[in-house]
C-alpha cells in the first residue's frame, strides 16, 4: 500500500464526515468496497486485522475508528437515524445489551455459534462474545514487584497507597466501568444495595492521585512513575509492556477477577446495501475463525470465548480456565451502570476526605 493510499484510509476512517469523504473519494478511489468498524481494541490490532482481511479480499477497504467502549455506544445512539458503521467490535457485553435493547444492533448467527456458552451471546443473536478480558491490578514494575504490589482488591484501600494510584477516566471506559461495577456488585449481591460498594469506591478515591482522561496519558503517567499502580485489563497491560517497553506488570487478585465478555455485532440499518452487508458478515466471520482467535491470543494477548480451540497452541494465561471468575450479573450492569457511574461522578470523584 502506498503512502497516499494509507493516508486516505486512515483519514477517512478517523473523520467519517460526509463532505470530507466526498473530497477524499475523488483522490482515494471510492470504487472499492468499504466497511466501517467502531472498536476500542486499539490501533495495533485493528490495523493488523483490517490489513489481513484486505489481503484476503482484494478490492475491499476496511475503515476503523478506535475509541472508548462507552464512546462507541454513544456514537451509535447519535447516528441511529443514519448509521455510519457496519460493525461494532469490542466492549463489555453489558454495553452490547444496552445497544440491543435500543434497536442499534442487527441479529446475526455466526457459523461458530454452537461453540459458545449461552451466557456469552445475546438470546436473539444481536451480539456474540469474542474475547474474555480479566481485570487486574496493574503496577509500574520499576516501583513495585509482584510480591509487594497489592494482592487483592481490598488492599488498594490501605493507607500506604494514598496518592499512588492513577485510574483511567471511568466514564468513557468500558474497562473501568466493568471494574467499578464488579466492586459494587460484590456487596450488592449480598445486601441488595449499592451503598457499601459506593463506600468502597469512596475509599479508593481517597487513595487516587489522578483520573487521566485519555488512555495514552494514562499509560504515560504510570510509565513515568507519576503513580505506582492502577486497575486495568490484562491484554492492554501485556500489549503496552511488549510493544512499547513500558515498565508494566500485573497481579491477578486472589479473590477473583471479573472475566468480561467482549462483544461483536452488526450495526442495525433501516436501509442496508446487500453487498456491503455480506462484506460485513465476512469480516465478522474472518476475525472469529479458530486461526484468528489463536492469532489474537499470540499477538494481542486476547483470551478467546470459543470452546473448540486447541489451547495448547497458546500460553496458559490465555486459557480462560486459568482464572477464578468473580460472580457477575451482566444484565444488572446493563440496567444500572449508567446511574451508578453518574452517582460516582457527582458524589464520589475528588470528594473523599484526604
Protein backbone atom coordinates (compact mmCIF):
# COMPACT_ATOMS: atom_id res chain seq x y z
CA UNK A 1 0.00 0.00 0.00
CA UNK A 2 1.39 3.44 -0.98
CA UNK A 3 1.67 6.32 1.46
CA UNK A 4 -1.16 8.17 -0.30
CA UNK A 5 -3.46 5.14 -0.14
CA UNK A 6 -2.69 4.58 3.54
CA UNK A 7 -3.23 8.27 4.29
CA UNK A 8 -6.61 8.22 2.61
CA UNK A 9 -7.64 5.09 4.54
CA UNK A 10 -6.75 6.43 7.93
CA UNK A 11 -8.14 9.95 7.43
CA UNK A 12 -11.40 8.59 6.10
CA UNK A 13 -11.63 6.11 8.97
CA UNK A 14 -10.93 8.77 11.56
CA UNK A 15 -13.14 11.59 10.32
CA UNK A 16 -16.07 9.78 8.71
CA UNK A 17 -17.56 13.09 7.67
CA UNK A 18 -19.67 13.21 4.50
CA UNK A 19 -18.05 16.29 2.96
CA UNK A 20 -14.55 15.11 3.74
CA UNK A 21 -15.48 11.70 2.36
CA UNK A 22 -16.62 13.27 -0.93
CA UNK A 23 -13.35 15.20 -1.19
CA UNK A 24 -11.21 12.19 -0.36
CA UNK A 25 -13.21 9.91 -2.61
CA UNK A 26 -12.12 11.86 -5.67
CA UNK A 27 -8.47 11.09 -4.94
CA UNK A 28 -8.68 7.86 -2.95
CA UNK A 29 -10.68 5.57 -5.19
CA UNK A 30 -14.16 5.10 -3.69
CA UNK A 31 -14.83 2.41 -6.29
CA UNK A 32 -13.55 -0.02 -3.66
CA UNK A 33 -15.98 -1.90 -1.48
CA UNK A 34 -15.88 -0.47 2.01
CA UNK A 35 -16.89 -1.40 5.55
CA UNK A 36 -16.53 0.73 8.69
CA UNK A 37 -15.79 -0.62 12.17
CA UNK A 38 -16.07 1.07 15.55
CA UNK A 39 -13.88 -0.51 18.21
CA UNK A 40 -11.92 0.06 21.43
CA UNK A 41 -9.46 -2.72 20.58
CA UNK A 42 -6.55 -0.39 19.78
CA UNK A 43 -4.78 0.66 16.61
CA UNK A 44 -2.35 -2.27 16.51
CA UNK A 45 -4.99 -4.99 16.48
CA UNK A 46 -7.39 -3.05 14.26
CA UNK A 47 -4.77 -2.12 11.67
CA UNK A 48 -3.48 -5.68 11.61
CA UNK A 49 -6.85 -7.39 11.13
CA UNK A 50 -8.01 -4.77 8.63
CA UNK A 51 -4.89 -5.37 6.52
CA UNK A 52 -5.20 -9.15 6.80
CA UNK A 53 -8.83 -9.00 5.68
CA UNK A 54 -7.98 -6.70 2.77
CA UNK A 55 -5.25 -9.09 1.64
CA UNK A 56 -7.75 -11.95 1.68
CA UNK A 57 -10.36 -9.82 -0.15
CA UNK A 58 -8.71 -7.67 -2.85
CA UNK A 59 -10.62 -4.51 -3.66
CA UNK A 60 -12.03 -4.15 -0.12
CA UNK A 61 -11.27 -1.16 2.06
CA UNK A 62 -11.70 -1.62 5.84
CA UNK A 63 -12.00 1.62 7.80
CA UNK A 64 -11.84 1.64 11.59
CA UNK A 65 -12.32 4.16 14.35
CA UNK A 66 -10.62 3.41 17.69
CA UNK A 67 -12.39 4.91 20.73
CA UNK A 68 -13.54 4.08 24.23
CA UNK A 69 -16.29 1.50 24.67
CA UNK A 70 -18.84 3.92 26.06
CA UNK A 71 -17.98 6.39 23.30
CA UNK A 72 -18.86 3.74 20.72
CA UNK A 73 -22.28 3.22 22.27
CA UNK A 74 -22.89 6.97 22.50
CA UNK A 75 -21.87 7.42 18.88
CA UNK A 76 -24.16 4.63 17.67
CA UNK A 77 -27.00 6.28 19.57
CA UNK A 78 -26.33 9.63 17.94
CA UNK A 79 -26.13 8.01 14.49
CA UNK A 80 -29.20 5.80 14.86
CA UNK A 81 -31.14 7.64 12.15
CA UNK A 82 -28.17 7.46 9.76
CA UNK A 83 -25.65 4.80 10.88
CA UNK A 84 -22.10 5.17 9.60
CA UNK A 85 -20.56 1.96 10.97
CA UNK A 86 -21.19 -1.58 9.76
CA UNK A 87 -19.76 -3.42 12.78
CA UNK A 88 -19.07 -2.80 16.44
CA UNK A 89 -16.14 -4.92 17.57
CA UNK A 90 -15.25 -4.95 21.24
CA UNK A 91 -16.68 -3.63 24.52
CA UNK A 92 -18.05 -5.28 27.67
CA UNK A 93 -21.17 -7.28 26.87
CA UNK A 94 -23.48 -5.09 29.02
CA UNK A 95 -22.91 -2.22 26.58
CA UNK A 96 -23.99 -4.52 23.77
CA UNK A 97 -27.04 -5.44 25.87
CA UNK A 98 -27.95 -1.76 26.10
CA UNK A 99 -27.43 -1.27 22.38
CA UNK A 100 -29.54 -4.33 21.55
CA UNK A 101 -32.39 -3.11 23.76
CA UNK A 102 -32.28 0.26 21.95
CA UNK A 103 -32.52 -1.32 18.50
CA UNK A 104 -28.96 -0.41 17.48
CA UNK A 105 -27.82 -3.93 16.55
CA UNK A 106 -28.84 -6.38 13.84
CA UNK A 107 -29.30 -10.12 14.52
CA UNK A 108 -26.74 -12.44 13.01
CA UNK A 109 -25.91 -16.06 13.84
CA UNK A 110 -22.24 -16.78 13.12
CA UNK A 111 -21.15 -20.14 11.79
CA UNK A 112 -19.45 -21.00 15.11
CA UNK A 113 -22.41 -20.13 17.36
CA UNK A 114 -22.64 -23.66 18.78
CA UNK A 115 -19.12 -23.32 20.19
CA UNK A 116 -20.08 -20.58 22.63
CA UNK A 117 -21.61 -20.75 26.09
CA UNK A 118 -25.11 -19.28 26.23
CA UNK A 119 -24.01 -16.54 28.64
CA UNK A 120 -21.57 -15.24 26.02
CA UNK A 121 -24.14 -14.18 23.46
CA UNK A 122 -27.48 -12.45 23.11
CA UNK A 123 -30.51 -14.80 23.10
CA UNK A 124 -31.76 -13.01 19.99
CA UNK A 125 -28.28 -13.18 18.43
CA UNK A 126 -27.78 -9.43 18.23
CA UNK A 127 -24.24 -9.82 19.61
CA UNK A 128 -21.77 -12.62 20.28
CA UNK A 129 -18.80 -12.68 22.62
CA UNK A 130 -15.34 -12.91 21.09
CA UNK A 131 -12.82 -12.41 23.89
CA UNK A 132 -12.83 -12.69 27.67
CA UNK A 133 -10.98 -9.92 29.47
CA UNK A 134 -9.66 -10.38 33.02
CA UNK A 135 -9.38 -7.20 35.06
CA UNK A 136 -6.20 -6.96 37.13
CA UNK A 137 -4.14 -4.79 39.45
CA UNK A 138 -1.60 -3.08 37.22
CA UNK A 139 1.63 -1.57 38.50
CA UNK A 140 4.88 0.12 37.47
CA UNK A 141 7.46 -2.66 37.70
CA UNK A 142 10.24 -0.15 38.37
CA UNK A 143 8.45 0.98 41.53
CA UNK A 144 6.85 -2.26 42.73
CA UNK A 145 7.21 -6.01 42.35
CA UNK A 146 4.64 -8.80 42.20
CA UNK A 147 5.48 -9.54 45.84
CA UNK A 148 4.95 -6.06 47.28
CA UNK A 149 2.15 -4.88 44.99
CA UNK A 150 -1.42 -5.26 46.30
CA UNK A 151 -2.55 -8.87 46.02
CA UNK A 152 -6.30 -8.28 46.17
CA UNK A 153 -8.87 -5.59 45.55
CA UNK A 154 -9.33 -4.54 49.18
CA UNK A 155 -5.60 -3.97 49.64
CA UNK A 156 -5.91 -0.99 47.28
CA UNK A 157 -7.70 0.85 50.10
CA UNK A 158 -4.82 0.60 52.56
CA UNK A 159 -3.24 3.91 53.67
CA UNK A 160 0.14 3.05 52.13
CA UNK A 161 -1.32 3.50 48.63
CA UNK A 162 -2.67 7.02 49.22
CA UNK A 163 -1.66 9.26 46.32
CA UNK A 164 0.00 6.36 44.48
CA UNK A 165 -2.94 5.24 42.29
CA UNK A 166 -3.88 6.60 38.86
CA UNK A 167 -7.16 5.48 37.27
CA UNK A 168 -8.21 5.88 33.66
CA UNK A 169 -11.17 8.26 33.40
CA UNK A 170 -14.04 5.81 34.08
CA UNK A 171 -16.96 7.41 32.24
CA UNK A 172 -15.84 6.64 28.64
CA UNK A 173 -14.01 3.43 29.55
CA UNK A 174 -15.72 0.05 29.39
CA UNK A 175 -12.85 -1.47 31.36
CA UNK A 176 -13.20 0.92 34.27
CA UNK A 177 -16.99 0.70 34.24
CA UNK A 178 -16.69 -3.09 34.49
CA UNK A 179 -14.22 -2.87 37.37
CA UNK A 180 -16.29 -0.31 39.28
CA UNK A 181 -19.41 -2.39 38.73
CA UNK A 182 -17.63 -5.51 39.97
CA UNK A 183 -16.55 -3.72 43.15
CA UNK A 184 -20.11 -2.55 43.81
CA UNK A 185 -21.66 -5.90 42.92
CA UNK A 186 -19.53 -7.77 45.48
CA UNK A 187 -21.66 -6.09 48.15
CA UNK A 188 -24.87 -5.70 46.17
CA UNK A 189 -25.34 -9.45 45.62
CA UNK A 190 -25.48 -9.98 49.41
CA UNK A 191 -27.00 -6.73 50.65
CA UNK A 192 -29.22 -5.87 47.64
CA UNK A 193 -27.91 -2.34 47.89
CA UNK A 194 -25.12 -0.40 46.21
CA UNK A 195 -24.34 1.64 49.32
CA UNK A 196 -21.43 -0.46 50.60
CA UNK A 197 -19.96 -0.63 47.10
CA UNK A 198 -20.06 3.14 46.80
CA UNK A 199 -18.33 3.37 50.16
CA UNK A 200 -15.59 1.11 48.80
CA UNK A 201 -15.17 3.39 45.78
CA UNK A 202 -15.07 6.38 48.13
CA UNK A 203 -12.08 4.86 49.92
CA UNK A 204 -10.45 4.11 46.56
CA UNK A 205 -10.96 7.72 45.51
CA UNK A 206 -9.18 8.86 48.67
CA UNK A 207 -6.11 6.92 47.51
CA UNK A 208 -6.35 8.04 43.87
CA UNK A 209 -3.99 10.73 42.63
CA UNK A 210 -5.46 11.31 39.17
CA UNK A 211 -8.03 10.25 36.57
CA UNK A 212 -6.32 10.76 33.16
CA UNK A 213 -8.96 11.48 30.55
CA UNK A 214 -7.03 9.95 27.67
CA UNK A 215 -5.84 6.35 27.54
CA UNK A 216 -2.41 7.35 26.18
CA UNK A 217 -1.96 9.86 29.02
CA UNK A 218 -2.99 7.17 31.48
CA UNK A 219 -0.25 4.85 30.21
CA UNK A 220 2.35 7.61 30.21
CA UNK A 221 1.52 8.70 33.75
CA UNK A 222 2.06 5.17 35.04
CA UNK A 223 5.13 4.54 32.90
CA UNK A 224 6.80 7.74 34.14
CA UNK A 225 6.15 6.84 37.74
CA UNK A 226 3.70 9.68 38.35
CA UNK A 227 1.69 6.93 40.03
CA UNK A 228 2.68 3.43 41.08
CA UNK A 229 -0.39 1.36 40.28
CA UNK A 230 -3.83 1.18 38.79
CA UNK A 231 -6.72 -1.13 37.88
CA UNK A 232 -6.85 -2.20 34.26
CA UNK A 233 -7.30 -5.09 31.84
CA UNK A 234 -4.74 -7.83 31.29
CA UNK A 235 -4.42 -7.68 27.48
CA UNK A 236 -3.54 -3.98 27.44
CA UNK A 237 -1.04 -4.34 30.28
CA UNK A 238 0.80 -7.02 28.30
CA UNK A 239 0.45 -5.21 24.98
CA UNK A 240 1.96 -1.98 26.29
CA UNK A 241 4.75 -3.88 28.01
CA UNK A 242 5.66 -5.97 24.97
CA UNK A 243 5.03 -3.44 22.18
CA UNK A 244 6.07 -0.18 23.89
CA UNK A 245 8.51 -1.50 26.52
CA UNK A 246 6.53 0.23 29.27
CA UNK A 247 7.51 -0.95 32.77
CA UNK A 248 4.16 -2.60 33.43
CA UNK A 249 3.28 -5.77 35.30
CA UNK A 250 0.16 -7.10 36.98
CA UNK A 251 -1.34 -9.15 39.78
CA UNK A 252 -4.49 -11.23 39.31
CA UNK A 253 -6.46 -10.55 42.53
CA UNK A 254 -6.53 -13.68 44.64
CA UNK A 255 -10.25 -13.39 45.45
CA UNK A 256 -11.10 -13.47 41.74
CA UNK A 257 -11.38 -11.24 38.72
CA UNK A 258 -14.26 -10.11 36.50
CA UNK A 259 -13.98 -12.08 33.27
CA UNK A 260 -15.61 -9.58 30.94
CA UNK A 261 -17.08 -10.91 27.66
CA UNK A 262 -16.19 -8.59 24.76
CA UNK A 263 -18.84 -8.46 22.07
CA UNK A 264 -19.11 -8.24 18.30
CA UNK A 265 -22.21 -7.14 16.38
CA UNK A 266 -23.58 -5.85 13.11
CA UNK A 267 -24.91 -2.30 13.35
CA UNK A 268 -28.60 -2.05 12.51
CA UNK A 269 -29.54 -0.13 9.38
CA UNK A 270 -33.02 0.66 8.12
CA UNK A 271 -31.70 0.54 4.57
CA UNK A 272 -28.68 -1.68 4.03
CA UNK A 273 -26.71 -2.24 0.86
CA UNK A 274 -26.81 -6.01 0.40
CA UNK A 275 -23.25 -6.29 -0.90
CA UNK A 276 -21.92 -4.22 1.99
CA UNK A 277 -23.96 -6.27 4.46
CA UNK A 278 -22.47 -9.50 3.14
CA UNK A 279 -18.99 -7.99 3.34
CA UNK A 280 -19.56 -7.02 6.99
CA UNK A 281 -20.64 -10.60 7.75
CA UNK A 282 -17.47 -11.89 6.06
CA UNK A 283 -15.37 -9.68 8.31
CA UNK A 284 -17.37 -10.90 11.33
CA UNK A 285 -16.54 -14.48 10.38
CA UNK A 286 -12.93 -13.67 9.46
CA UNK A 287 -11.97 -12.28 12.87
CA UNK A 288 -13.62 -15.18 14.70
CA UNK A 289 -12.15 -18.21 12.95
CA UNK A 290 -10.08 -20.57 15.12
CA UNK A 291 -6.97 -19.28 13.33
CA UNK A 292 -7.88 -15.65 14.10
CA UNK A 293 -8.61 -16.42 17.75
CA UNK A 294 -5.26 -18.19 18.15
CA UNK A 295 -3.50 -15.35 16.31
CA UNK A 296 -5.14 -12.70 18.53
CA UNK A 297 -4.11 -14.66 21.63
CA UNK A 298 -0.50 -14.89 20.49
CA UNK A 299 -0.11 -11.38 19.14
CA UNK A 300 -2.54 -9.30 21.23
CA UNK A 301 -2.99 -11.36 24.41
CA UNK A 302 -6.71 -11.90 23.88
CA UNK A 303 -8.50 -14.76 25.64
CA UNK A 304 -10.94 -16.47 23.24
CA UNK A 305 -14.53 -17.41 24.04
CA UNK A 306 -14.79 -20.34 21.62
CA UNK A 307 -14.63 -23.77 23.27
CA UNK A 308 -13.39 -25.71 20.25
CA UNK A 309 -9.87 -24.25 20.07
CA UNK A 310 -6.56 -26.00 20.58
CA UNK A 311 -5.44 -24.15 23.71
CA UNK A 312 -2.10 -25.96 23.67
CA UNK A 313 -1.08 -23.53 20.91
CA UNK A 314 -1.18 -20.51 23.22
CA UNK A 315 0.32 -19.51 26.54
CA UNK A 316 -1.50 -20.79 29.64
CA UNK A 317 -2.55 -17.31 30.76
CA UNK A 318 -4.71 -17.03 27.65
CA UNK A 319 -6.77 -20.07 28.56
CA UNK A 320 -9.89 -18.87 30.46
CA UNK A 321 -9.74 -21.98 32.66
CA UNK A 322 -6.73 -20.44 34.43
CA UNK A 323 -8.80 -17.73 36.12
CA UNK A 324 -11.10 -17.62 39.11
CA UNK A 325 -14.02 -15.61 37.78
CA UNK A 326 -15.92 -13.33 40.14
CA UNK A 327 -19.71 -13.77 40.11
CA UNK A 328 -21.21 -11.09 37.88
CA UNK A 329 -24.72 -10.10 36.85
CA UNK A 330 -24.20 -8.59 33.41
CA UNK A 331 -27.85 -7.69 32.98
CA UNK A 332 -27.71 -5.69 36.21
CA UNK A 333 -24.62 -3.98 34.79
CA UNK A 334 -26.55 -3.09 31.63
CA UNK A 335 -29.51 -1.81 33.64
CA UNK A 336 -27.64 0.03 36.41
CA UNK A 337 -24.18 1.05 35.32
CA UNK A 338 -25.14 4.42 33.83
CA UNK A 339 -26.93 5.52 37.01
CA UNK A 340 -24.21 4.13 39.24
CA UNK A 341 -21.46 5.87 37.25
CA UNK A 342 -23.34 9.15 37.38
CA UNK A 343 -23.63 8.80 41.14
CA UNK A 344 -19.89 8.10 41.42
CA UNK A 345 -19.09 11.10 39.21
CA UNK A 346 -21.31 13.50 41.12
CA UNK A 347 -20.85 12.29 44.69
CA UNK A 348 -17.52 10.45 45.00
CA UNK A 349 -14.92 11.63 42.48
CA UNK A 350 -12.46 14.01 44.22
CA UNK A 351 -14.83 14.34 47.19
CA UNK A 352 -13.28 11.79 49.53
CA UNK A 353 -11.55 13.05 52.66
CA UNK A 354 -7.76 13.09 52.34
